[in-house]
Amino acid sequence: MSTVIRLTRGGRRNAPFFRIGVYDTQTRRDGRAIENLGFYNPLAKGDGPQVNLDVERAKYWISVGAKPSETVASFLARQEVTLGESAKNRARNQARSKKRLAAEKKSGKVHGKTKAKEKAKATSK
């Protein structure tokens, strides 16, 4: 069972409120959590915290293989939680692949093939 730490939306229209929880990867966005770790209130005013996160439980779930979403990873980074090397490598690889795809689009290649070859295949069929 693969697990992920991600946000679940709550609240009402124009007043979002998010719960931070651990979910099975197959669970829908607002589905049942394995464990709730905290909340994120983007509209917090006054003395109330904007992010409340149980850091110790988050560290535990990451240690057993849960992958935090980008947003949750940024919350953990603010709390000075070091993510494992695999999370850092995954983020680095995603950035590299985005740059590579952008460069291929710019140069006229589509997944290693030129646009001319793609057109030739399309017209021959």
PDB file of N, CA and C in Angstrom:
ATOM      1  N   MET A   1       0.845  -1.169   0.000  1.00  0.00           N
ATOM      2  CA  MET A   1       0.000   0.000   0.000  1.00  0.00           C
ATOM      3  C   MET A   1       0.894   1.237   0.000  1.00  0.00           C
ATOM      4  N   SER A   2       0.843   2.010  -1.070  1.00  0.00           N
ATOM      5  CA  SER A   2       1.592   3.257  -1.151  1.00  0.00           C
ATOM      6  C   SER A   2       0.809   4.349  -0.449  1.00  0.00           C
ATOM      7  N   THR A   3       1.521   5.168   0.293  1.00  0.00           N
ATOM      8  CA  THR A   3       0.853   6.251   1.007  1.00  0.00           C
ATOM      9  C   THR A   3       1.430   7.591   0.600  1.00  0.00           C
ATOM     10  N   VAL A   4       0.600   8.617   0.754  1.00  0.00           N
ATOM     11  CA  VAL A   4       0.992   9.969   0.402  1.00  0.00           C
ATOM     12  C   VAL A   4       0.440  10.910   1.472  1.00  0.00           C
ATOM     13  N   ILE A   5       1.185  11.973   1.752  1.00  0.00           N
ATOM     14  CA  ILE A   5       0.720  12.999   2.683  1.00  0.00           C
ATOM     15  C   ILE A   5       0.253  14.163   1.830  1.00  0.00           C
ATOM     16  N   ARG A   6      -1.042  14.483   1.900  1.00  0.00           N
ATOM     17  CA  ARG A   6      -1.589  15.521   1.038  1.00  0.00           C
ATOM     18  C   ARG A   6      -2.715  16.277   1.731  1.00  0.00           C
ATOM     19  N   LEU A   7      -3.250  17.265   1.020  1.00  0.00           N
ATOM     20  CA  LEU A   7      -4.301  18.122   1.550  1.00  0.00           C
ATOM     21  C   LEU A   7      -5.678  17.621   1.131  1.00  0.00           C
ATOM     22  N   THR A   8      -6.669  17.826   2.005  1.00  0.00           N
ATOM     23  CA  THR A   8      -8.069  17.556   1.713  1.00  0.00           C
ATOM     24  C   THR A   8      -8.825  18.851   1.899  1.00  0.00           C
ATOM     25  N   ARG A   9      -9.606  19.250   0.902  1.00  0.00           N
ATOM     26  CA  ARG A   9     -10.298  20.535   0.966  1.00  0.00           C
ATOM     27  C   ARG A   9     -11.578  20.424   1.772  1.00  0.00           C
ATOM     28  N   GLY A  10     -11.798  21.443   2.562  1.00  0.00           N
ATOM     29  CA  GLY A  10     -13.028  21.568   3.333  1.00  0.00           C
ATOM     30  C   GLY A  10     -13.446  23.024   3.311  1.00  0.00           C
ATOM     31  N   GLY A  11     -14.288  23.399   4.237  1.00  0.00           N
ATOM     32  CA  GLY A  11     -14.741  24.785   4.291  1.00  0.00           C
ATOM     33  C   GLY A  11     -15.924  25.006   3.376  1.00  0.00           C
ATOM     34  N   ARG A  12     -16.139  26.245   3.024  1.00  0.00           N
ATOM     35  CA  ARG A  12     -17.248  26.568   2.134  1.00  0.00           C
ATOM     36  C   ARG A  12     -16.720  27.342   0.935  1.00  0.00           C
ATOM     37  N   ARG A  13     -17.619  27.714   0.048  1.00  0.00           N
ATOM     38  CA  ARG A  13     -17.236  28.443  -1.152  1.00  0.00           C
ATOM     39  C   ARG A  13     -16.555  29.758  -0.760  1.00  0.00           C
ATOM     40  N   ASN A  14     -15.441  30.049  -1.396  1.00  0.00           N
ATOM     41  CA  ASN A  14     -14.634  31.251  -1.155  1.00  0.00           C
ATOM     42  C   ASN A  14     -14.047  31.313   0.253  1.00  0.00           C
ATOM     43  N   ALA A  15     -14.091  30.249   0.990  1.00  0.00           N
ATOM     44  CA  ALA A  15     -13.472  30.186   2.316  1.00  0.00           C
ATOM     45  C   ALA A  15     -12.857  28.796   2.506  1.00  0.00           C
ATOM     46  N   PRO A  16     -11.772  28.502   1.784  1.00  0.00           N
ATOM     47  CA  PRO A  16     -11.207  27.157   1.846  1.00  0.00           C
ATOM     48  C   PRO A  16     -10.527  26.865   3.182  1.00  0.00           C
ATOM     49  N   PHE A  17     -10.523  25.595   3.531  1.00  0.00           N
ATOM     50  CA  PHE A  17      -9.869  25.086   4.721  1.00  0.00           C
ATOM     51  C   PHE A  17      -9.367  23.698   4.351  1.00  0.00           C
ATOM     52  N   PHE A  18      -8.128  23.403   4.663  1.00  0.00           N
ATOM     53  CA  PHE A  18      -7.545  22.136   4.243  1.00  0.00           C
ATOM     54  C   PHE A  18      -7.080  21.332   5.450  1.00  0.00           C
ATOM     55  N   ARG A  19      -7.327  20.027   5.404  1.00  0.00           N
ATOM     56  CA  ARG A  19      -6.771  19.111   6.388  1.00  0.00           C
ATOM     57  C   ARG A  19      -5.559  18.441   5.765  1.00  0.00           C
ATOM     58  N   ILE A  20      -4.528  18.270   6.565  1.00  0.00           N
ATOM     59  CA  ILE A  20      -3.326  17.571   6.123  1.00  0.00           C
ATOM     60  C   ILE A  20      -3.423  16.154   6.666  1.00  0.00           C
ATOM     61  N   GLY A  21      -3.354  15.180   5.777  1.00  0.00           N
ATOM     62  CA  GLY A  21      -3.525  13.806   6.219  1.00  0.00           C
ATOM     63  C   GLY A  21      -2.706  12.822   5.417  1.00  0.00           C
ATOM     64  N   VAL A  22      -2.673  11.605   5.905  1.00  0.00           N
ATOM     65  CA  VAL A  22      -1.994  10.501   5.231  1.00  0.00           C
ATOM     66  C   VAL A  22      -3.064   9.673   4.537  1.00  0.00           C
ATOM     67  N   TYR A  23      -2.883   9.441   3.239  1.00  0.00           N
ATOM     68  CA  TYR A  23      -3.870   8.739   2.425  1.00  0.00           C
ATOM     69  C   TYR A  23      -3.200   7.648   1.620  1.00  0.00           C
ATOM     70  N   ASP A  24      -3.978   6.634   1.289  1.00  0.00           N
ATOM     71  CA  ASP A  24      -3.557   5.657   0.300  1.00  0.00           C
ATOM     72  C   ASP A  24      -3.571   6.376  -1.050  1.00  0.00           C
ATOM     73  N   THR A  25      -2.662   6.054  -1.936  1.00  0.00           N
ATOM     74  CA  THR A  25      -2.584   6.764  -3.213  1.00  0.00           C
ATOM     75  C   THR A  25      -3.834   6.577  -4.059  1.00  0.00           C
ATOM     76  N   GLN A  26      -4.589   5.506  -3.839  1.00  0.00           N
ATOM     77  CA  GLN A  26      -5.788   5.244  -4.622  1.00  0.00           C
ATOM     78  C   GLN A  26      -7.020   5.985  -4.095  1.00  0.00           C
ATOM     79  N   THR A  27      -6.915   6.597  -2.923  1.00  0.00           N
ATOM     80  CA  THR A  27      -8.044   7.295  -2.315  1.00  0.00           C
ATOM     81  C   THR A  27      -8.307   8.601  -3.039  1.00  0.00           C
ATOM     82  N   ARG A  28      -9.587   8.924  -3.238  1.00  0.00           N
ATOM     83  CA  ARG A  28      -9.933  10.173  -3.903  1.00  0.00           C
ATOM     84  C   ARG A  28      -9.531  11.361  -3.027  1.00  0.00           C
ATOM     85  N   ARG A  29      -9.565  12.567  -3.608  1.00  0.00           N
ATOM     86  CA  ARG A  29      -9.045  13.759  -2.936  1.00  0.00           C
ATOM     87  C   ARG A  29      -9.665  13.987  -1.563  1.00  0.00           C
ATOM     88  N   ASP A  30     -10.977  13.910  -1.470  1.00  0.00           N
ATOM     89  CA  ASP A  30     -11.652  14.160  -0.201  1.00  0.00           C
ATOM     90  C   ASP A  30     -12.059  12.868   0.494  1.00  0.00           C
ATOM     91  N   GLY A  31     -11.336  11.801   0.226  1.00  0.00           N
ATOM     92  CA  GLY A  31     -11.666  10.507   0.810  1.00  0.00           C
ATOM     93  C   GLY A  31     -11.202  10.389   2.252  1.00  0.00           C
ATOM     94  N   ARG A  32     -11.357   9.194   2.785  1.00  0.00           N
ATOM     95  CA  ARG A  32     -11.034   8.932   4.181  1.00  0.00           C
ATOM     96  C   ARG A  32      -9.524   8.849   4.381  1.00  0.00           C
ATOM     97  N   ALA A  33      -9.047   9.528   5.416  1.00  0.00           N
ATOM     98  CA  ALA A  33      -7.619   9.552   5.722  1.00  0.00           C
ATOM     99  C   ALA A  33      -7.242   8.369   6.605  1.00  0.00           C
ATOM    100  N   ILE A  34      -6.023   7.904   6.452  1.00  0.00           N
ATOM    101  CA  ILE A  34      -5.488   6.906   7.372  1.00  0.00           C
ATOM    102  C   ILE A  34      -5.234   7.584   8.718  1.00  0.00           C
ATOM    103  N   GLU A  35      -4.648   8.797   8.642  1.00  0.00           N
ATOM    104  CA  GLU A  35      -4.392   9.583   9.853  1.00  0.00           C
ATOM    105  C   GLU A  35      -4.369  11.054   9.486  1.00  0.00           C
ATOM    106  N   ASN A  36      -5.007  11.889  10.301  1.00  0.00           N
ATOM    107  CA  ASN A  36      -4.953  13.335  10.106  1.00  0.00           C
ATOM    108  C   ASN A  36      -3.765  13.889  10.877  1.00  0.00           C
ATOM    109  N   LEU A  37      -2.969  14.726  10.196  1.00  0.00           N
ATOM    110  CA  LEU A  37      -1.764  15.270  10.810  1.00  0.00           C
ATOM    111  C   LEU A  37      -1.888  16.735  11.191  1.00  0.00           C
ATOM    112  N   GLY A  38      -2.894  17.414  10.687  1.00  0.00           N
ATOM    113  CA  GLY A  38      -3.028  18.830  11.012  1.00  0.00           C
ATOM    114  C   GLY A  38      -3.944  19.522  10.037  1.00  0.00           C
ATOM    115  N   PHE A  39      -3.806  20.849   9.955  1.00  0.00           N
ATOM    116  CA  PHE A  39      -4.651  21.624   9.050  1.00  0.00           C
ATOM    117  C   PHE A  39      -3.882  22.799   8.469  1.00  0.00           C
ATOM    118  N   TYR A  40      -4.446  23.374   7.408  1.00  0.00           N
ATOM    119  CA  TYR A  40      -3.922  24.574   6.759  1.00  0.00           C
ATOM    120  C   TYR A  40      -5.103  25.487   6.489  1.00  0.00           C
ATOM    121  N   ASN A  41      -5.057  26.695   7.058  1.00  0.00           N
ATOM    122  CA  ASN A  41      -6.115  27.673   6.865  1.00  0.00           C
ATOM    123  C   ASN A  41      -5.517  28.873   6.134  1.00  0.00           C
ATOM    124  N   PRO A  42      -5.688  28.956   4.807  1.00  0.00           N
ATOM    125  CA  PRO A  42      -5.066  30.046   4.049  1.00  0.00           C
ATOM    126  C   PRO A  42      -5.647  31.419   4.367  1.00  0.00           C
ATOM    127  N   LEU A  43      -6.817  31.472   4.990  1.00  0.00           N
ATOM    128  CA  LEU A  43      -7.454  32.749   5.303  1.00  0.00           C
ATOM    129  C   LEU A  43      -7.358  33.097   6.783  1.00  0.00           C
ATOM    130  N   ALA A  44      -6.401  32.511   7.501  1.00  0.00           N
ATOM    131  CA  ALA A  44      -6.280  32.743   8.941  1.00  0.00           C
ATOM    132  C   ALA A  44      -5.965  34.202   9.227  1.00  0.00           C
ATOM    133  N   LYS A  45      -6.654  34.731  10.224  1.00  0.00           N
ATOM    134  CA  LYS A  45      -6.433  36.115  10.641  1.00  0.00           C
ATOM    135  C   LYS A  45      -6.171  36.132  12.142  1.00  0.00           C
ATOM    136  N   GLY A  46      -5.463  37.138  12.580  1.00  0.00           N
ATOM    137  CA  GLY A  46      -5.255  37.305  14.015  1.00  0.00           C
ATOM    138  C   GLY A  46      -4.256  36.325  14.582  1.00  0.00           C
ATOM    139  N   ASP A  47      -4.588  35.821  15.768  1.00  0.00           N
ATOM    140  CA  ASP A  47      -3.660  34.977  16.511  1.00  0.00           C
ATOM    141  C   ASP A  47      -3.656  33.522  16.065  1.00  0.00           C
ATOM    142  N   GLY A  48      -4.662  33.089  15.348  1.00  0.00           N
ATOM    143  CA  GLY A  48      -4.759  31.685  14.951  1.00  0.00           C
ATOM    144  C   GLY A  48      -3.652  31.296  13.980  1.00  0.00           C
ATOM    145  N   PRO A  49      -3.145  30.064  14.107  1.00  0.00           N
ATOM    146  CA  PRO A  49      -2.085  29.625  13.198  1.00  0.00           C
ATOM    147  C   PRO A  49      -2.631  29.347  11.796  1.00  0.00           C
ATOM    148  N   GLN A  50      -1.799  29.613  10.801  1.00  0.00           N
ATOM    149  CA  GLN A  50      -2.204  29.316   9.430  1.00  0.00           C
ATOM    150  C   GLN A  50      -1.976  27.838   9.129  1.00  0.00           C
ATOM    151  N   VAL A  51      -0.887  27.290   9.659  1.00  0.00           N
ATOM    152  CA  VAL A  51      -0.574  25.872   9.456  1.00  0.00           C
ATOM    153  C   VAL A  51      -0.339  25.233  10.816  1.00  0.00           C
ATOM    154  N   ASN A  52      -1.007  24.130  11.060  1.00  0.00           N
ATOM    155  CA  ASN A  52      -0.806  23.350  12.271  1.00  0.00           C
ATOM    156  C   ASN A  52      -0.510  21.932  11.809  1.00  0.00           C
ATOM    157  N   LEU A  53       0.684  21.439  12.116  1.00  0.00           N
ATOM    158  CA  LEU A  53       1.121  20.154  11.596  1.00  0.00           C
ATOM    159  C   LEU A  53       1.836  19.378  12.688  1.00  0.00           C
ATOM    160  N   ASP A  54       1.467  18.119  12.868  1.00  0.00           N
ATOM    161  CA  ASP A  54       2.138  17.237  13.818  1.00  0.00           C
ATOM    162  C   ASP A  54       3.414  16.726  13.146  1.00  0.00           C
ATOM    163  N   VAL A  55       4.515  17.398  13.438  1.00  0.00           N
ATOM    164  CA  VAL A  55       5.777  17.135  12.746  1.00  0.00           C
ATOM    165  C   VAL A  55       6.312  15.743  13.060  1.00  0.00           C
ATOM    166  N   GLU A  56       6.176  15.302  14.295  1.00  0.00           N
ATOM    167  CA  GLU A  56       6.698  13.985  14.667  1.00  0.00           C
ATOM    168  C   GLU A  56       5.999  12.869  13.892  1.00  0.00           C
ATOM    169  N   ARG A  57       4.685  12.955  13.773  1.00  0.00           N
ATOM    170  CA  ARG A  57       3.951  11.940  13.015  1.00  0.00           C
ATOM    171  C   ARG A  57       4.280  12.027  11.529  1.00  0.00           C
ATOM    172  N   ALA A  58       4.485  13.244  11.017  1.00  0.00           N
ATOM    173  CA  ALA A  58       4.863  13.406   9.611  1.00  0.00           C
ATOM    174  C   ALA A  58       6.224  12.753   9.356  1.00  0.00           C
ATOM    175  N   LYS A  59       7.167  12.950  10.277  1.00  0.00           N
ATOM    176  CA  LYS A  59       8.484  12.312  10.148  1.00  0.00           C
ATOM    177  C   LYS A  59       8.342  10.790  10.142  1.00  0.00           C
ATOM    178  N   TYR A  60       7.471  10.281  11.017  1.00  0.00           N
ATOM    179  CA  TYR A  60       7.253   8.837  11.065  1.00  0.00           C
ATOM    180  C   TYR A  60       6.740   8.322   9.725  1.00  0.00           C
ATOM    181  N   TRP A  61       5.707   8.969   9.183  1.00  0.00           N
ATOM    182  CA  TRP A  61       5.116   8.503   7.936  1.00  0.00           C
ATOM    183  C   TRP A  61       6.106   8.600   6.785  1.00  0.00           C
ATOM    184  N   ILE A  62       6.930   9.633   6.769  1.00  0.00           N
ATOM    185  CA  ILE A  62       7.952   9.748   5.721  1.00  0.00           C
ATOM    186  C   ILE A  62       8.976   8.630   5.880  1.00  0.00           C
ATOM    187  N   SER A  63       9.309   8.288   7.129  1.00  0.00           N
ATOM    188  CA  SER A  63      10.293   7.226   7.356  1.00  0.00           C
ATOM    189  C   SER A  63       9.791   5.861   6.901  1.00  0.00           C
ATOM    190  N   VAL A  64       8.469   5.658   6.908  1.00  0.00           N
ATOM    191  CA  VAL A  64       7.933   4.373   6.451  1.00  0.00           C
ATOM    192  C   VAL A  64       7.538   4.399   4.979  1.00  0.00           C
ATOM    193  N   GLY A  65       7.846   5.498   4.281  1.00  0.00           N
ATOM    194  CA  GLY A  65       7.671   5.512   2.835  1.00  0.00           C
ATOM    195  C   GLY A  65       6.605   6.420   2.276  1.00  0.00           C
ATOM    196  N   ALA A  66       5.904   7.177   3.102  1.00  0.00           N
ATOM    197  CA  ALA A  66       4.891   8.098   2.577  1.00  0.00           C
ATOM    198  C   ALA A  66       5.577   9.250   1.853  1.00  0.00           C
ATOM    199  N   LYS A  67       5.009   9.648   0.729  1.00  0.00           N
ATOM    200  CA  LYS A  67       5.586  10.729  -0.060  1.00  0.00           C
ATOM    201  C   LYS A  67       4.734  11.981   0.123  1.00  0.00           C
ATOM    202  N   PRO A  68       5.323  13.074   0.601  1.00  0.00           N
ATOM    203  CA  PRO A  68       4.533  14.301   0.763  1.00  0.00           C
ATOM    204  C   PRO A  68       4.287  14.976  -0.579  1.00  0.00           C
ATOM    205  N   SER A  69       3.120  15.613  -0.707  1.00  0.00           N
ATOM    206  CA  SER A  69       2.845  16.403  -1.908  1.00  0.00           C
ATOM    207  C   SER A  69       3.749  17.630  -1.881  1.00  0.00           C
ATOM    208  N   GLU A  70       3.792  18.371  -2.985  1.00  0.00           N
ATOM    209  CA  GLU A  70       4.659  19.545  -3.055  1.00  0.00           C
ATOM    210  C   GLU A  70       4.298  20.560  -1.980  1.00  0.00           C
ATOM    211  N   THR A  71       3.010  20.785  -1.777  1.00  0.00           N
ATOM    212  CA  THR A  71       2.564  21.763  -0.789  1.00  0.00           C
ATOM    213  C   THR A  71       2.932  21.320   0.620  1.00  0.00           C
ATOM    214  N   VAL A  72       2.682  20.070   0.935  1.00  0.00           N
ATOM    215  CA  VAL A  72       3.012  19.561   2.265  1.00  0.00           C
ATOM    216  C   VAL A  72       4.522  19.564   2.465  1.00  0.00           C
ATOM    217  N   ALA A  73       5.285  19.265   1.426  1.00  0.00           N
ATOM    218  CA  ALA A  73       6.744  19.307   1.529  1.00  0.00           C
ATOM    219  C   ALA A  73       7.216  20.718   1.860  1.00  0.00           C
ATOM    220  N   SER A  74       6.564  21.736   1.276  1.00  0.00           N
ATOM    221  CA  SER A  74       6.956  23.115   1.594  1.00  0.00           C
ATOM    222  C   SER A  74       6.591  23.460   3.040  1.00  0.00           C
ATOM    223  N   PHE A  75       5.460  22.948   3.547  1.00  0.00           N
ATOM    224  CA  PHE A  75       5.106  23.160   4.956  1.00  0.00           C
ATOM    225  C   PHE A  75       6.151  22.515   5.865  1.00  0.00           C
ATOM    226  N   LEU A  76       6.581  21.313   5.504  1.00  0.00           N
ATOM    227  CA  LEU A  76       7.584  20.619   6.303  1.00  0.00           C
ATOM    228  C   LEU A  76       8.926  21.340   6.248  1.00  0.00           C
ATOM    229  N   ALA A  77       9.255  21.899   5.098  1.00  0.00           N
ATOM    230  CA  ALA A  77      10.507  22.643   4.976  1.00  0.00           C
ATOM    231  C   ALA A  77      10.479  23.882   5.871  1.00  0.00           C
ATOM    232  N   ARG A  78       9.324  24.532   5.974  1.00  0.00           N
ATOM    233  CA  ARG A  78       9.192  25.686   6.874  1.00  0.00           C
ATOM    234  C   ARG A  78       9.411  25.278   8.328  1.00  0.00           C
ATOM    235  N   GLN A  79       9.021  24.055   8.665  1.00  0.00           N
ATOM    236  CA  GLN A  79       9.197  23.537  10.022  1.00  0.00           C
ATOM    237  C   GLN A  79      10.601  22.961  10.201  1.00  0.00           C
ATOM    238  N   GLU A  80      11.429  23.095   9.176  1.00  0.00           N
ATOM    239  CA  GLU A  80      12.814  22.623   9.167  1.00  0.00           C
ATOM    240  C   GLU A  80      12.916  21.111   9.317  1.00  0.00           C
ATOM    241  N   VAL A  81      11.980  20.413   8.688  1.00  0.00           N
ATOM    242  CA  VAL A  81      12.022  18.958   8.644  1.00  0.00           C
ATOM    243  C   VAL A  81      12.788  18.574   7.390  1.00  0.00           C
ATOM    244  N   THR A  82      13.820  17.758   7.551  1.00  0.00           N
ATOM    245  CA  THR A  82      14.581  17.335   6.388  1.00  0.00           C
ATOM    246  C   THR A  82      13.890  16.137   5.766  1.00  0.00           C
ATOM    247  N   LEU A  83      13.631  16.242   4.486  1.00  0.00           N
ATOM    248  CA  LEU A  83      13.040  15.125   3.765  1.00  0.00           C
ATOM    249  C   LEU A  83      14.154  14.171   3.394  1.00  0.00           C
ATOM    250  N   GLY A  84      13.799  12.929   3.184  1.00  0.00           N
ATOM    251  CA  GLY A  84      14.799  11.944   2.807  1.00  0.00           C
ATOM    252  C   GLY A  84      15.425  12.272   1.464  1.00  0.00           C
ATOM    253  N   GLU A  85      16.538  11.656   1.177  1.00  0.00           N
ATOM    254  CA  GLU A  85      17.220  11.885  -0.096  1.00  0.00           C
ATOM    255  C   GLU A  85      16.323  11.556  -1.274  1.00  0.00           C
ATOM    256  N   SER A  86      15.453  10.561  -1.117  1.00  0.00           N
ATOM    257  CA  SER A  86      14.594  10.177  -2.231  1.00  0.00           C
ATOM    258  C   SER A  86      13.644  11.308  -2.598  1.00  0.00           C
ATOM    259  N   ALA A  87      13.127  12.033  -1.617  1.00  0.00           N
ATOM    260  CA  ALA A  87      12.225  13.154  -1.905  1.00  0.00           C
ATOM    261  C   ALA A  87      12.978  14.284  -2.600  1.00  0.00           C
ATOM    262  N   LYS A  88      14.209  14.541  -2.155  1.00  0.00           N
ATOM    263  CA  LYS A  88      15.016  15.580  -2.799  1.00  0.00           C
ATOM    264  C   LYS A  88      15.335  15.181  -4.237  1.00  0.00           C
ATOM    265  N   ASN A  89      15.707  13.924  -4.425  1.00  0.00           N
ATOM    266  CA  ASN A  89      16.024  13.454  -5.771  1.00  0.00           C
ATOM    267  C   ASN A  89      14.802  13.502  -6.676  1.00  0.00           C
ATOM    268  N   ARG A  90      13.630  13.147  -6.136  1.00  0.00           N
ATOM    269  CA  ARG A  90      12.407  13.176  -6.924  1.00  0.00           C
ATOM    270  C   ARG A  90      12.100  14.598  -7.380  1.00  0.00           C
ATOM    271  N   ALA A  91      12.249  15.558  -6.487  1.00  0.00           N
ATOM    272  CA  ALA A  91      11.995  16.955  -6.846  1.00  0.00           C
ATOM    273  C   ALA A  91      12.999  17.429  -7.895  1.00  0.00           C
ATOM    274  N   ARG A  92      14.253  17.038  -7.739  1.00  0.00           N
ATOM    275  CA  ARG A  92      15.288  17.432  -8.696  1.00  0.00           C
ATOM    276  C   ARG A  92      15.010  16.805 -10.064  1.00  0.00           C
ATOM    277  N   ASN A  93      14.629  15.524 -10.080  1.00  0.00           N
ATOM    278  CA  ASN A  93      14.346  14.851 -11.345  1.00  0.00           C
ATOM    279  C   ASN A  93      13.131  15.444 -12.047  1.00  0.00           C
ATOM    280  N   GLN A  94      12.104  15.835 -11.284  1.00  0.00           N
ATOM    281  CA  GLN A  94      10.932  16.462 -11.888  1.00  0.00           C
ATOM    282  C   GLN A  94      11.312  17.781 -12.546  1.00  0.00           C
ATOM    283  N   ALA A  95      12.150  18.560 -11.880  1.00  0.00           N
ATOM    284  CA  ALA A  95      12.575  19.839 -12.449  1.00  0.00           C
ATOM    285  C   ALA A  95      13.384  19.610 -13.724  1.00  0.00           C
ATOM    286  N   ARG A  96      14.266  18.618 -13.700  1.00  0.00           N
ATOM    287  CA  ARG A  96      15.075  18.324 -14.891  1.00  0.00           C
ATOM    288  C   ARG A  96      14.208  17.864 -16.059  1.00  0.00           C
ATOM    289  N   SER A  97      13.222  17.018 -15.777  1.00  0.00           N
ATOM    290  CA  SER A  97      12.381  16.520 -16.868  1.00  0.00           C
ATOM    291  C   SER A  97      11.532  17.641 -17.456  1.00  0.00           C
ATOM    292  N   LYS A  98      11.065  18.571 -16.628  1.00  0.00           N
ATOM    293  CA  LYS A  98      10.307  19.711 -17.148  1.00  0.00           C
ATOM    294  C   LYS A  98      11.181  20.565 -18.060  1.00  0.00           C
ATOM    295  N   LYS A  99      12.429  20.804 -17.639  1.00  0.00           N
ATOM    296  CA  LYS A  99      13.350  21.591 -18.465  1.00  0.00           C
ATOM    297  C   LYS A  99      13.636  20.876 -19.782  1.00  0.00           C
ATOM    298  N   ARG A 100      13.831  19.551 -19.716  1.00  0.00           N
ATOM    299  CA  ARG A 100      14.135  18.786 -20.919  1.00  0.00           C
ATOM    300  C   ARG A 100      12.959  18.815 -21.892  1.00  0.00           C
ATOM    301  N   LEU A 101      11.738  18.651 -21.383  1.00  0.00           N
ATOM    302  CA  LEU A 101      10.564  18.695 -22.252  1.00  0.00           C
ATOM    303  C   LEU A 101      10.384  20.070 -22.882  1.00  0.00           C
ATOM    304  N   ALA A 102      10.643  21.115 -22.109  1.00  0.00           N
ATOM    305  CA  ALA A 102      10.535  22.474 -22.650  1.00  0.00           C
ATOM    306  C   ALA A 102      11.574  22.695 -23.742  1.00  0.00           C
ATOM    307  N   ALA A 103      12.786  22.186 -23.543  1.00  0.00           N
ATOM    308  CA  ALA A 103      13.834  22.331 -24.549  1.00  0.00           C
ATOM    309  C   ALA A 103      13.495  21.542 -25.812  1.00  0.00           C
ATOM    310  N   GLU A 104      12.913  20.344 -25.650  1.00  0.00           N
ATOM    311  CA  GLU A 104      12.530  19.543 -26.813  1.00  0.00           C
ATOM    312  C   GLU A 104      11.418  20.217 -27.599  1.00  0.00           C
ATOM    313  N   LYS A 105      10.459  20.806 -26.907  1.00  0.00           N
ATOM    314  CA  LYS A 105       9.393  21.525 -27.601  1.00  0.00           C
ATOM    315  C   LYS A 105       9.953  22.692 -28.390  1.00  0.00           C
ATOM    316  N   LYS A 106      10.880  23.399 -27.772  1.00  0.00           N
ATOM    317  CA  LYS A 106      11.464  24.580 -28.410  1.00  0.00           C
ATOM    318  C   LYS A 106      12.277  24.192 -29.646  1.00  0.00           C
ATOM    319  N   SER A 107      12.992  23.075 -29.573  1.00  0.00           N
ATOM    320  CA  SER A 107      13.839  22.664 -30.689  1.00  0.00           C
ATOM    321  C   SER A 107      13.062  21.903 -31.765  1.00  0.00           C
ATOM    322  N   GLY A 108      11.799  21.594 -31.520  1.00  0.00           N
ATOM    323  CA  GLY A 108      10.989  20.923 -32.528  1.00  0.00           C
ATOM    324  C   GLY A 108      10.915  19.422 -32.367  1.00  0.00           C
ATOM    325  N   LYS A 109      11.481  18.890 -31.333  1.00  0.00           N
ATOM    326  CA  LYS A 109      11.416  17.449 -31.104  1.00  0.00           C
ATOM    327  C   LYS A 109      10.240  17.137 -30.200  1.00  0.00           C
ATOM    328  N   VAL A 110       9.607  16.010 -30.476  1.00  0.00           N
ATOM    329  CA  VAL A 110       8.518  15.544 -29.633  1.00  0.00           C
ATOM    330  C   VAL A 110       8.913  14.165 -29.133  1.00  0.00           C
ATOM    331  N   HIS A 111       9.319  14.064 -27.884  1.00  0.00           N
ATOM    332  CA  HIS A 111       9.767  12.811 -27.279  1.00  0.00           C
ATOM    333  C   HIS A 111      10.839  12.130 -28.131  1.00  0.00           C
ATOM    334  N   GLY A 112      11.839  12.893 -28.523  1.00  0.00           N
ATOM    335  CA  GLY A 112      12.963  12.331 -29.246  1.00  0.00           C
ATOM    336  C   GLY A 112      12.767  12.236 -30.744  1.00  0.00           C
ATOM    337  N   LYS A 113      11.611  12.599 -31.276  1.00  0.00           N
ATOM    338  CA  LYS A 113      11.360  12.538 -32.711  1.00  0.00           C
ATOM    339  C   LYS A 113      11.132  13.951 -33.225  1.00  0.00           C
ATOM    340  N   THR A 114      11.452  14.163 -34.477  1.00  0.00           N
ATOM    341  CA  THR A 114      11.220  15.488 -35.044  1.00  0.00           C
ATOM    342  C   THR A 114       9.784  15.615 -35.506  1.00  0.00           C
ATOM    343  N   LYS A 115       9.321  16.842 -35.643  1.00  0.00           N
ATOM    344  CA  LYS A 115       7.951  17.085 -36.084  1.00  0.00           C
ATOM    345  C   LYS A 115       7.737  16.591 -37.515  1.00  0.00           C
ATOM    346  N   ALA A 116       8.773  16.672 -38.345  1.00  0.00           N
ATOM    347  CA  ALA A 116       8.655  16.227 -39.733  1.00  0.00           C
ATOM    348  C   ALA A 116       8.353  14.728 -39.794  1.00  0.00           C
ATOM    349  N   LYS A 117       9.035  13.948 -38.977  1.00  0.00           N
ATOM    350  CA  LYS A 117       8.786  12.506 -38.951  1.00  0.00           C
ATOM    351  C   LYS A 117       7.365  12.212 -38.481  1.00  0.00           C
ATOM    352  N   GLU A 118       6.897  12.968 -37.505  1.00  0.00           N
ATOM    353  CA  GLU A 118       5.530  12.790 -37.010  1.00  0.00           C
ATOM    354  C   GLU A 118       4.515  13.093 -38.105  1.00  0.00           C
ATOM    355  N   LYS A 119       4.735  14.178 -38.864  1.00  0.00           N
ATOM    356  CA  LYS A 119       3.823  14.546 -39.944  1.00  0.00           C
ATOM    357  C   LYS A 119       3.835  13.491 -41.044  1.00  0.00           C
ATOM    358  N   ALA A 120       5.026  12.973 -41.361  1.00  0.00           N
ATOM    359  CA  ALA A 120       5.141  11.959 -42.400  1.00  0.00           C
ATOM    360  C   ALA A 120       4.369  10.697 -42.008  1.00  0.00           C
ATOM    361  N   LYS A 121       4.457  10.308 -40.774  1.00  0.00           N
ATOM    362  CA  LYS A 121       3.722   9.138 -40.308  1.00  0.00           C
ATOM    363  C   LYS A 121       2.222   9.375 -40.368  1.00  0.00           C
ATOM    364  N   ALA A 122       1.800  10.566 -39.973  1.00  0.00           N
ATOM    365  CA  ALA A 122       0.371  10.880 -39.940  1.00  0.00           C
ATOM    366  C   ALA A 122      -0.223  10.905 -41.347  1.00  0.00           C
ATOM    367  N   THR A 123       0.504  11.441 -42.330  1.00  0.00           N
ATOM    368  CA  THR A 123      -0.017  11.534 -43.692  1.00  0.00           C
ATOM    369  C   THR A 123       0.034  10.201 -44.419  1.00  0.00           C
ATOM    370  N   SER A 124       0.955   9.316 -44.050  1.00  0.00           N
ATOM    371  CA  SER A 124       1.074   8.029 -44.737  1.00  0.00           C
ATOM    372  C   SER A 124      -0.019   7.049 -44.313  1.00  0.00           C
ATOM    373  N   LYS A 125      -0.638   7.267 -43.192  1.00  0.00           N
ATOM    374  CA  LYS A 125      -1.671   6.331 -42.709  1.00  0.00           C
ATOM    375  C   LYS A 125      -2.992   6.582 -43.306  1.00  0.00           C
TER     376      LYS A 125
END
